[in-house]
Amino acid sequence: MGERQSRDIDWSGWLVRGALGGIAAGGAFLALTMWFATSVGDPAKGPLLMISTIVKGDEAMMNGTASASVGLAVHVGLSAVFGLVFAVAASRLRTNGALAAAGALYGAVLYLVNFKVFTPLAFPVFKMANQPFELVVHVVFGTLLSFALFRVSVPQRASSSRTPTPPAGVGAGAGAGAM
């Protein structure tokens, strides 16, 4: 049964939706983060400069070599990778509700790994970020990412022989007086 389920997954579509969903959710994440930076009096490009230190090193913030364009490239790349990882991890979930819950949890886990594991070990500049806001925006990222993987149709049971009931206002009796 597990083998059959694995074959039923459209991996190319699933992965494309994961990567593109990650990029789109990452765009919303970045917009919120840049808005927050300006709301506390920091420059909008501040989050991008901080993200660029992932490849340029922590000293880039201090010596002025941090780059918004490098930060944007890193952010888009990581968003796509995080989307791919989520798509693979969530591929067996069967309902949109389960996907949304898993997405929110995934965002929280990303926050924990990024800020509680990697930040102290390798990226101390990220300690400057507002931690409660970062948790919220990571959960938003995961939730938005999950929407890219929602199923638009619910699988029908093959054993159902009952004729489906049309929605209210649809069918032979609806609008009979309008003729």
C-alpha atoms as a PDB file:
ATOM      1  CA  MET A   1       0.000   0.000   0.000  1.00  0.00           C
ATOM      2  CA  GLY A   2       2.824   2.414   0.812  1.00  0.00           C
ATOM      3  CA  GLU A   3       4.383   1.723  -2.587  1.00  0.00           C
ATOM      4  CA  ARG A   4       1.100   2.524  -4.356  1.00  0.00           C
ATOM      5  CA  GLN A   5       0.737   5.795  -2.433  1.00  0.00           C
ATOM      6  CA  SER A   6       4.261   6.804  -3.431  1.00  0.00           C
ATOM      7  CA  ARG A   7       3.447   6.229  -7.102  1.00  0.00           C
ATOM      8  CA  ASP A   8       0.246   8.258  -6.779  1.00  0.00           C
ATOM      9  CA  ILE A   9       2.178  11.423  -5.937  1.00  0.00           C
ATOM     10  CA  ASP A  10       2.923  13.711  -8.886  1.00  0.00           C
ATOM     11  CA  TRP A  11       6.444  14.495  -7.696  1.00  0.00           C
ATOM     12  CA  SER A  12       7.313  16.990 -10.403  1.00  0.00           C
ATOM     13  CA  GLY A  13       4.150  19.009  -9.795  1.00  0.00           C
ATOM     14  CA  TRP A  14       4.464  18.658  -6.039  1.00  0.00           C
ATOM     15  CA  LEU A  15       8.080  19.863  -6.016  1.00  0.00           C
ATOM     16  CA  VAL A  16       7.438  22.757  -8.404  1.00  0.00           C
ATOM     17  CA  ARG A  17       4.522  23.879  -6.245  1.00  0.00           C
ATOM     18  CA  GLY A  18       6.726  23.543  -3.147  1.00  0.00           C
ATOM     19  CA  ALA A  19       9.570  25.609  -4.618  1.00  0.00           C
ATOM     20  CA  LEU A  20       7.289  28.290  -6.082  1.00  0.00           C
ATOM     21  CA  GLY A  21       5.194  28.314  -2.903  1.00  0.00           C
ATOM     22  CA  GLY A  22       8.372  28.773  -0.887  1.00  0.00           C
ATOM     23  CA  ILE A  23       9.416  31.716  -3.041  1.00  0.00           C
ATOM     24  CA  ALA A  24       5.959  33.322  -2.814  1.00  0.00           C
ATOM     25  CA  ALA A  25       5.711  32.742   0.946  1.00  0.00           C
ATOM     26  CA  GLY A  26       9.272  34.050   1.256  1.00  0.00           C
ATOM     27  CA  GLY A  27       8.200  37.209  -0.582  1.00  0.00           C
ATOM     28  CA  ALA A  28       5.396  37.771   1.915  1.00  0.00           C
ATOM     29  CA  PHE A  29       7.824  36.989   4.750  1.00  0.00           C
ATOM     30  CA  LEU A  30      10.297  39.543   3.404  1.00  0.00           C
ATOM     31  CA  ALA A  31       7.617  42.194   2.897  1.00  0.00           C
ATOM     32  CA  LEU A  32       6.431  41.762   6.499  1.00  0.00           C
ATOM     33  CA  THR A  33       9.984  41.823   7.819  1.00  0.00           C
ATOM     34  CA  MET A  34      10.858  44.962   5.867  1.00  0.00           C
ATOM     35  CA  TRP A  35       7.628  46.623   7.031  1.00  0.00           C
ATOM     36  CA  PHE A  36       8.485  45.730  10.635  1.00  0.00           C
ATOM     37  CA  ALA A  37      12.003  47.137  10.257  1.00  0.00           C
ATOM     38  CA  THR A  38      10.648  50.483   9.081  1.00  0.00           C
ATOM     39  CA  SER A  39       8.003  50.495  11.813  1.00  0.00           C
ATOM     40  CA  VAL A  40      10.747  50.465  14.453  1.00  0.00           C
ATOM     41  CA  GLY A  41      12.813  53.123  12.680  1.00  0.00           C
ATOM     42  CA  ASP A  42      15.289  50.852  10.876  1.00  0.00           C
ATOM     43  CA  PRO A  43      15.904  50.948   7.127  1.00  0.00           C
ATOM     44  CA  ALA A  44      13.722  48.640   5.022  1.00  0.00           C
ATOM     45  CA  LYS A  45      16.821  46.987   3.547  1.00  0.00           C
ATOM     46  CA  GLY A  46      18.065  46.056   7.039  1.00  0.00           C
ATOM     47  CA  PRO A  47      16.683  42.495   6.925  1.00  0.00           C
ATOM     48  CA  LEU A  48      18.303  41.931   3.507  1.00  0.00           C
ATOM     49  CA  LEU A  49      21.635  43.199   4.817  1.00  0.00           C
ATOM     50  CA  MET A  50      21.342  40.839   7.767  1.00  0.00           C
ATOM     51  CA  ILE A  51      20.495  37.897   5.486  1.00  0.00           C
ATOM     52  CA  SER A  52      23.539  38.641   3.319  1.00  0.00           C
ATOM     53  CA  THR A  53      25.775  37.879   6.300  1.00  0.00           C
ATOM     54  CA  ILE A  54      24.919  34.202   5.791  1.00  0.00           C
ATOM     55  CA  VAL A  55      27.378  34.227   2.878  1.00  0.00           C
ATOM     56  CA  LYS A  56      29.409  37.388   3.594  1.00  0.00           C
ATOM     57  CA  GLY A  57      30.014  36.723   7.291  1.00  0.00           C
ATOM     58  CA  ASP A  58      28.946  38.601  10.424  1.00  0.00           C
ATOM     59  CA  GLU A  59      31.661  41.198   9.974  1.00  0.00           C
ATOM     60  CA  ALA A  60      29.881  42.442   6.815  1.00  0.00           C
ATOM     61  CA  MET A  61      27.340  44.297   8.976  1.00  0.00           C
ATOM     62  CA  MET A  62      30.106  46.026  10.905  1.00  0.00           C
ATOM     63  CA  ASN A  63      32.403  46.896   8.004  1.00  0.00           C
ATOM     64  CA  GLY A  64      29.618  47.977   5.617  1.00  0.00           C
ATOM     65  CA  THR A  65      30.042  45.225   3.034  1.00  0.00           C
ATOM     66  CA  ALA A  66      26.635  43.652   3.668  1.00  0.00           C
ATOM     67  CA  SER A  67      24.627  43.660   0.451  1.00  0.00           C
ATOM     68  CA  ALA A  68      20.870  43.888  -0.066  1.00  0.00           C
ATOM     69  CA  SER A  69      21.123  42.134  -3.454  1.00  0.00           C
ATOM     70  CA  VAL A  70      23.114  39.262  -1.963  1.00  0.00           C
ATOM     71  CA  GLY A  71      20.587  39.080   0.876  1.00  0.00           C
ATOM     72  CA  LEU A  72      17.723  38.921  -1.621  1.00  0.00           C
ATOM     73  CA  ALA A  73      19.401  36.136  -3.611  1.00  0.00           C
ATOM     74  CA  VAL A  74      20.079  34.134  -0.437  1.00  0.00           C
ATOM     75  CA  HIS A  75      16.537  34.687   0.800  1.00  0.00           C
ATOM     76  CA  VAL A  76      14.938  33.562  -2.485  1.00  0.00           C
ATOM     77  CA  GLY A  77      17.208  30.508  -2.636  1.00  0.00           C
ATOM     78  CA  LEU A  78      16.512  29.479   0.945  1.00  0.00           C
ATOM     79  CA  SER A  79      12.777  30.053   0.497  1.00  0.00           C
ATOM     80  CA  ALA A  80      12.748  27.715  -2.517  1.00  0.00           C
ATOM     81  CA  VAL A  81      14.774  25.059  -0.669  1.00  0.00           C
ATOM     82  CA  PHE A  82      12.519  25.308   2.398  1.00  0.00           C
ATOM     83  CA  GLY A  83       9.520  24.946   0.068  1.00  0.00           C
ATOM     84  CA  LEU A  84      11.009  21.815  -1.510  1.00  0.00           C
ATOM     85  CA  VAL A  85      11.740  20.278   1.888  1.00  0.00           C
ATOM     86  CA  PHE A  86       8.198  20.977   3.066  1.00  0.00           C
ATOM     87  CA  ALA A  87       6.715  19.527  -0.131  1.00  0.00           C
ATOM     88  CA  VAL A  88       8.577  16.254   0.398  1.00  0.00           C
ATOM     89  CA  ALA A  89       7.803  16.115   4.117  1.00  0.00           C
ATOM     90  CA  ALA A  90       4.113  16.939   3.657  1.00  0.00           C
ATOM     91  CA  SER A  91       3.492  14.861   0.529  1.00  0.00           C
ATOM     92  CA  ARG A  92       1.571  12.179   2.403  1.00  0.00           C
ATOM     93  CA  LEU A  93      -0.846  14.539   4.104  1.00  0.00           C
ATOM     94  CA  ARG A  94      -4.301  14.036   2.682  1.00  0.00           C
ATOM     95  CA  THR A  95      -6.329  17.062   3.752  1.00  0.00           C
ATOM     96  CA  ASN A  96      -5.868  20.784   3.340  1.00  0.00           C
ATOM     97  CA  GLY A  97      -6.384  21.230   7.065  1.00  0.00           C
ATOM     98  CA  ALA A  98      -3.531  18.844   7.809  1.00  0.00           C
ATOM     99  CA  LEU A  99      -1.341  20.678   5.293  1.00  0.00           C
ATOM    100  CA  ALA A 100      -2.121  24.061   6.899  1.00  0.00           C
ATOM    101  CA  ALA A 101      -1.394  22.757  10.398  1.00  0.00           C
ATOM    102  CA  ALA A 102       1.816  21.119   9.202  1.00  0.00           C
ATOM    103  CA  GLY A 103       2.809  24.359   7.458  1.00  0.00           C
ATOM    104  CA  ALA A 104       2.355  26.407  10.620  1.00  0.00           C
ATOM    105  CA  LEU A 105       4.341  23.828  12.603  1.00  0.00           C
ATOM    106  CA  TYR A 106       7.020  23.773   9.891  1.00  0.00           C
ATOM    107  CA  GLY A 107       7.382  27.555  10.171  1.00  0.00           C
ATOM    108  CA  ALA A 108       7.799  27.289  13.942  1.00  0.00           C
ATOM    109  CA  VAL A 109      10.418  24.555  13.506  1.00  0.00           C
ATOM    110  CA  LEU A 110      12.273  26.689  10.934  1.00  0.00           C
ATOM    111  CA  TYR A 111      12.342  29.522  13.454  1.00  0.00           C
ATOM    112  CA  LEU A 112      13.694  27.235  16.194  1.00  0.00           C
ATOM    113  CA  VAL A 113      16.392  25.720  13.994  1.00  0.00           C
ATOM    114  CA  ASN A 114      17.432  29.039  12.450  1.00  0.00           C
ATOM    115  CA  PHE A 115      17.392  31.200  15.579  1.00  0.00           C
ATOM    116  CA  LYS A 116      18.027  28.779  18.425  1.00  0.00           C
ATOM    117  CA  VAL A 117      20.521  26.448  16.732  1.00  0.00           C
ATOM    118  CA  PHE A 118      22.263  28.194  13.822  1.00  0.00           C
ATOM    119  CA  THR A 119      22.273  31.757  15.186  1.00  0.00           C
ATOM    120  CA  PRO A 120      24.318  30.998  18.315  1.00  0.00           C
ATOM    121  CA  LEU A 121      26.642  28.658  16.407  1.00  0.00           C
ATOM    122  CA  ALA A 122      27.331  30.530  13.193  1.00  0.00           C
ATOM    123  CA  PHE A 123      25.257  33.697  12.676  1.00  0.00           C
ATOM    124  CA  PRO A 124      25.328  35.852  15.824  1.00  0.00           C
ATOM    125  CA  VAL A 125      24.153  38.947  13.906  1.00  0.00           C
ATOM    126  CA  PHE A 126      20.667  37.395  13.854  1.00  0.00           C
ATOM    127  CA  LYS A 127      20.472  37.858  17.639  1.00  0.00           C
ATOM    128  CA  MET A 128      19.596  41.493  16.806  1.00  0.00           C
ATOM    129  CA  ALA A 129      16.274  40.414  15.282  1.00  0.00           C
ATOM    130  CA  ASN A 130      13.042  40.772  17.272  1.00  0.00           C
ATOM    131  CA  GLN A 131      12.516  37.167  18.340  1.00  0.00           C
ATOM    132  CA  PRO A 132       8.720  37.173  18.942  1.00  0.00           C
ATOM    133  CA  PHE A 133       8.179  38.823  15.558  1.00  0.00           C
ATOM    134  CA  GLU A 134      10.514  36.317  13.882  1.00  0.00           C
ATOM    135  CA  LEU A 135       8.542  33.416  15.339  1.00  0.00           C
ATOM    136  CA  VAL A 136       5.262  34.866  14.059  1.00  0.00           C
ATOM    137  CA  VAL A 137       6.589  35.642  10.578  1.00  0.00           C
ATOM    138  CA  HIS A 138       8.090  32.136  10.278  1.00  0.00           C
ATOM    139  CA  VAL A 139       4.710  30.609  11.177  1.00  0.00           C
ATOM    140  CA  VAL A 140       3.107  32.869   8.551  1.00  0.00           C
ATOM    141  CA  PHE A 141       5.711  31.663   6.026  1.00  0.00           C
ATOM    142  CA  GLY A 142       4.924  28.012   6.727  1.00  0.00           C
ATOM    143  CA  THR A 143       1.187  28.561   6.588  1.00  0.00           C
ATOM    144  CA  LEU A 144       1.362  30.463   3.294  1.00  0.00           C
ATOM    145  CA  LEU A 145       3.688  27.799   1.915  1.00  0.00           C
ATOM    146  CA  SER A 146       1.136  25.118   2.749  1.00  0.00           C
ATOM    147  CA  PHE A 147      -1.479  26.898   0.616  1.00  0.00           C
ATOM    148  CA  ALA A 148       0.647  26.231  -2.483  1.00  0.00           C
ATOM    149  CA  LEU A 149       0.220  22.520  -1.841  1.00  0.00           C
ATOM    150  CA  PHE A 150      -3.513  22.521  -1.152  1.00  0.00           C
ATOM    151  CA  ARG A 151      -5.524  20.042  -3.118  1.00  0.00           C
ATOM    152  CA  VAL A 152      -8.201  21.657  -5.239  1.00  0.00           C
ATOM    153  CA  SER A 153     -10.344  18.549  -5.410  1.00  0.00           C
ATOM    154  CA  VAL A 154     -11.234  16.045  -2.757  1.00  0.00           C
ATOM    155  CA  PRO A 155     -10.834  12.422  -3.842  1.00  0.00           C
ATOM    156  CA  GLN A 156     -14.221  10.707  -4.298  1.00  0.00           C
ATOM    157  CA  ARG A 157     -14.940   7.297  -2.828  1.00  0.00           C
ATOM    158  CA  ALA A 158     -15.340   4.688  -5.558  1.00  0.00           C
ATOM    159  CA  SER A 159     -17.858   2.712  -3.516  1.00  0.00           C
ATOM    160  CA  SER A 160     -20.368   5.567  -3.354  1.00  0.00           C
ATOM    161  CA  SER A 161     -23.378   4.752  -5.536  1.00  0.00           C
ATOM    162  CA  ARG A 162     -25.496   7.617  -4.268  1.00  0.00           C
ATOM    163  CA  THR A 163     -26.171  10.491  -6.635  1.00  0.00           C
ATOM    164  CA  PRO A 164     -24.704  13.686  -5.186  1.00  0.00           C
ATOM    165  CA  THR A 165     -27.161  16.290  -4.009  1.00  0.00           C
ATOM    166  CA  PRO A 166     -26.787  19.575  -5.919  1.00  0.00           C
ATOM    167  CA  PRO A 167     -26.134  22.726  -3.903  1.00  0.00           C
ATOM    168  CA  ALA A 168     -29.116  24.760  -2.772  1.00  0.00           C
ATOM    169  CA  GLY A 169     -30.686  26.727  -5.609  1.00  0.00           C
ATOM    170  CA  VAL A 170     -29.402  24.336  -8.281  1.00  0.00           C
ATOM    171  CA  GLY A 171     -31.471  21.681 -10.019  1.00  0.00           C
ATOM    172  CA  ALA A 172     -34.862  21.080 -11.582  1.00  0.00           C
ATOM    173  CA  GLY A 173     -36.931  22.839  -8.923  1.00  0.00           C
ATOM    174  CA  ALA A 174     -34.757  25.930  -8.644  1.00  0.00           C
ATOM    175  CA  GLY A 175     -36.029  28.999 -10.378  1.00  0.00           C
ATOM    176  CA  ALA A 176     -39.191  27.271 -11.626  1.00  0.00           C
ATOM    177  CA  GLY A 177     -41.221  30.442 -11.122  1.00  0.00           C
ATOM    178  CA  ALA A 178     -38.808  32.508 -13.177  1.00  0.00           C
ATOM    179  CA  MET A 179     -39.995  31.171 -16.536  1.00  0.00           C
END
